[in-house]
């Protein structure tokens, strides 16, 4: 009986090693982004909006795709920028933002 148990343990270890190897390959394949410092996302968002003035107003998803960041993080950032009066909310649903000093 002990032979079967040892065989099962060896098979389990082999499975774990295989899954670890596959996981590291998946991580290497995914492009890693540098972590932003506090306030740095605001600069990226405002920079994107200033560069693409012809496309304004924009949604958080559009900006997120343009700067290759999370749409949730960009949406939160746009909310903070709205409170700071650097951008203004044009439409509530769907949320669309424009630069604050710009005329339509």
C-alpha atoms as a PDB file:
ATOM      1  CA  UNK A   1       0.000   0.000   0.000  1.00  0.00           C
ATOM      2  CA  UNK A   2       2.790   2.395   0.745  1.00  0.00           C
ATOM      3  CA  UNK A   3       3.953   2.239  -2.888  1.00  0.00           C
ATOM      4  CA  UNK A   4       0.658   3.686  -4.095  1.00  0.00           C
ATOM      5  CA  UNK A   5       0.864   6.581  -1.653  1.00  0.00           C
ATOM      6  CA  UNK A   6       4.401   7.451  -2.683  1.00  0.00           C
ATOM      7  CA  UNK A   7       3.384   7.278  -6.329  1.00  0.00           C
ATOM      8  CA  UNK A   8       0.520   9.668  -5.696  1.00  0.00           C
ATOM      9  CA  UNK A   9       2.840  12.085  -3.893  1.00  0.00           C
ATOM     10  CA  UNK A  10       5.332  12.026  -6.750  1.00  0.00           C
ATOM     11  CA  UNK A  11       2.557  12.641  -9.285  1.00  0.00           C
ATOM     12  CA  UNK A  12       1.191  15.515  -7.206  1.00  0.00           C
ATOM     13  CA  UNK A  13       4.641  17.121  -6.990  1.00  0.00           C
ATOM     14  CA  UNK A  14       5.080  16.753 -10.754  1.00  0.00           C
ATOM     15  CA  UNK A  15       1.716  18.453 -11.335  1.00  0.00           C
ATOM     16  CA  UNK A  16       2.659  21.353  -9.058  1.00  0.00           C
ATOM     17  CA  UNK A  17       5.988  21.819 -10.807  1.00  0.00           C
ATOM     18  CA  UNK A  18       4.267  21.809 -14.183  1.00  0.00           C
ATOM     19  CA  UNK A  19       1.677  24.396 -13.116  1.00  0.00           C
ATOM     20  CA  UNK A  20       4.396  26.645 -11.651  1.00  0.00           C
ATOM     21  CA  UNK A  21       6.298  26.511 -14.924  1.00  0.00           C
ATOM     22  CA  UNK A  22       3.193  27.406 -16.919  1.00  0.00           C
ATOM     23  CA  UNK A  23       2.376  30.271 -14.555  1.00  0.00           C
ATOM     24  CA  UNK A  24       5.799  31.861 -14.957  1.00  0.00           C
ATOM     25  CA  UNK A  25       5.512  31.641 -18.744  1.00  0.00           C
ATOM     26  CA  UNK A  26       2.138  33.372 -18.593  1.00  0.00           C
ATOM     27  CA  UNK A  27       3.573  36.156 -16.433  1.00  0.00           C
ATOM     28  CA  UNK A  28       6.498  36.660 -18.817  1.00  0.00           C
ATOM     29  CA  UNK A  29       4.162  36.800 -21.814  1.00  0.00           C
ATOM     30  CA  UNK A  30       2.054  39.526 -20.188  1.00  0.00           C
ATOM     31  CA  UNK A  31       3.576  42.970 -20.577  1.00  0.00           C
ATOM     32  CA  UNK A  32       4.459  44.375 -17.171  1.00  0.00           C
ATOM     33  CA  UNK A  33       3.798  48.067 -16.524  1.00  0.00           C
ATOM     34  CA  UNK A  34       5.755  50.159 -14.106  1.00  0.00           C
ATOM     35  CA  UNK A  35       3.827  51.204 -11.024  1.00  0.00           C
ATOM     36  CA  UNK A  36       2.871  54.870 -11.076  1.00  0.00           C
ATOM     37  CA  UNK A  37       3.725  57.280  -8.292  1.00  0.00           C
ATOM     38  CA  UNK A  38       0.952  59.200  -6.542  1.00  0.00           C
ATOM     39  CA  UNK A  39      -0.490  61.840  -8.869  1.00  0.00           C
ATOM     40  CA  UNK A  40       1.231  60.491 -11.962  1.00  0.00           C
ATOM     41  CA  UNK A  41      -1.979  59.057 -13.440  1.00  0.00           C
ATOM     42  CA  UNK A  42      -3.556  62.524 -13.416  1.00  0.00           C
ATOM     43  CA  UNK A  43      -0.723  63.777 -15.622  1.00  0.00           C
ATOM     44  CA  UNK A  44      -1.190  60.897 -18.053  1.00  0.00           C
ATOM     45  CA  UNK A  45      -4.958  61.442 -18.253  1.00  0.00           C
ATOM     46  CA  UNK A  46      -4.693  65.217 -18.747  1.00  0.00           C
ATOM     47  CA  UNK A  47      -1.892  64.733 -21.268  1.00  0.00           C
ATOM     48  CA  UNK A  48      -4.026  62.320 -23.286  1.00  0.00           C
ATOM     49  CA  UNK A  49      -6.995  64.686 -23.242  1.00  0.00           C
ATOM     50  CA  UNK A  50      -4.875  67.688 -24.322  1.00  0.00           C
ATOM     51  CA  UNK A  51      -3.265  65.669 -27.113  1.00  0.00           C
ATOM     52  CA  UNK A  52      -6.650  64.464 -28.415  1.00  0.00           C
ATOM     53  CA  UNK A  53      -8.683  67.689 -28.173  1.00  0.00           C
ATOM     54  CA  UNK A  54     -10.460  66.907 -31.440  1.00  0.00           C
ATOM     55  CA  UNK A  55     -11.979  63.762 -29.923  1.00  0.00           C
ATOM     56  CA  UNK A  56     -13.341  65.421 -26.782  1.00  0.00           C
ATOM     57  CA  UNK A  57     -15.533  64.731 -24.849  1.00  0.00           C
ATOM     58  CA  UNK A  58     -14.171  61.253 -24.066  1.00  0.00           C
ATOM     59  CA  UNK A  59     -15.191  58.379 -21.847  1.00  0.00           C
ATOM     60  CA  UNK A  60     -12.950  56.887 -19.154  1.00  0.00           C
ATOM     61  CA  UNK A  61     -12.658  53.727 -21.263  1.00  0.00           C
ATOM     62  CA  UNK A  62     -11.362  55.668 -24.264  1.00  0.00           C
ATOM     63  CA  UNK A  63      -8.712  57.370 -22.150  1.00  0.00           C
ATOM     64  CA  UNK A  64      -7.795  54.089 -20.444  1.00  0.00           C
ATOM     65  CA  UNK A  65      -7.235  52.363 -23.785  1.00  0.00           C
ATOM     66  CA  UNK A  66      -5.189  55.333 -25.004  1.00  0.00           C
ATOM     67  CA  UNK A  67      -2.811  55.330 -22.042  1.00  0.00           C
ATOM     68  CA  UNK A  68      -2.927  51.549 -21.500  1.00  0.00           C
ATOM     69  CA  UNK A  69      -4.245  51.712 -17.932  1.00  0.00           C
ATOM     70  CA  UNK A  70      -7.223  50.297 -16.059  1.00  0.00           C
ATOM     71  CA  UNK A  71     -10.549  51.895 -16.959  1.00  0.00           C
ATOM     72  CA  UNK A  72     -11.577  51.827 -13.294  1.00  0.00           C
ATOM     73  CA  UNK A  73      -8.432  53.693 -12.251  1.00  0.00           C
ATOM     74  CA  UNK A  74      -8.952  56.243 -15.028  1.00  0.00           C
ATOM     75  CA  UNK A  75     -12.625  56.691 -14.073  1.00  0.00           C
ATOM     76  CA  UNK A  76     -11.632  57.351 -10.450  1.00  0.00           C
ATOM     77  CA  UNK A  77      -8.922  59.737 -11.619  1.00  0.00           C
ATOM     78  CA  UNK A  78     -11.375  61.664 -13.811  1.00  0.00           C
ATOM     79  CA  UNK A  79     -13.700  61.950 -10.811  1.00  0.00           C
ATOM     80  CA  UNK A  80     -10.883  63.509  -8.771  1.00  0.00           C
ATOM     81  CA  UNK A  81      -9.946  65.820 -11.652  1.00  0.00           C
ATOM     82  CA  UNK A  82     -13.588  66.901 -11.898  1.00  0.00           C
ATOM     83  CA  UNK A  83     -13.617  67.791  -8.203  1.00  0.00           C
ATOM     84  CA  UNK A  84     -10.402  69.772  -8.744  1.00  0.00           C
ATOM     85  CA  UNK A  85     -12.164  71.533 -11.661  1.00  0.00           C
ATOM     86  CA  UNK A  86      -9.518  70.442 -14.188  1.00  0.00           C
ATOM     87  CA  UNK A  87     -12.069  68.515 -16.255  1.00  0.00           C
ATOM     88  CA  UNK A  88     -15.832  68.722 -16.420  1.00  0.00           C
ATOM     89  CA  UNK A  89     -18.459  66.054 -16.744  1.00  0.00           C
ATOM     90  CA  UNK A  90     -20.430  66.600 -19.953  1.00  0.00           C
ATOM     91  CA  UNK A  91     -22.756  63.569 -19.876  1.00  0.00           C
ATOM     92  CA  UNK A  92     -23.705  61.559 -16.821  1.00  0.00           C
ATOM     93  CA  UNK A  93     -24.686  58.438 -18.764  1.00  0.00           C
ATOM     94  CA  UNK A  94     -22.472  57.412 -20.379  1.00  0.00           C
ATOM     95  CA  UNK A  95     -19.881  59.406 -18.483  1.00  0.00           C
ATOM     96  CA  UNK A  96     -18.008  61.697 -20.862  1.00  0.00           C
ATOM     97  CA  UNK A  97     -15.458  64.313 -19.863  1.00  0.00           C
ATOM     98  CA  UNK A  98     -14.019  67.452 -21.443  1.00  0.00           C
ATOM     99  CA  UNK A  99     -11.193  69.776 -20.391  1.00  0.00           C
ATOM    100  CA  UNK A 100     -12.393  72.441 -17.971  1.00  0.00           C
ATOM    101  CA  UNK A 101     -11.495  75.656 -19.801  1.00  0.00           C
ATOM    102  CA  UNK A 102     -12.568  74.490 -23.247  1.00  0.00           C
ATOM    103  CA  UNK A 103     -15.652  75.795 -25.058  1.00  0.00           C
ATOM    104  CA  UNK A 104     -17.821  73.416 -27.123  1.00  0.00           C
END
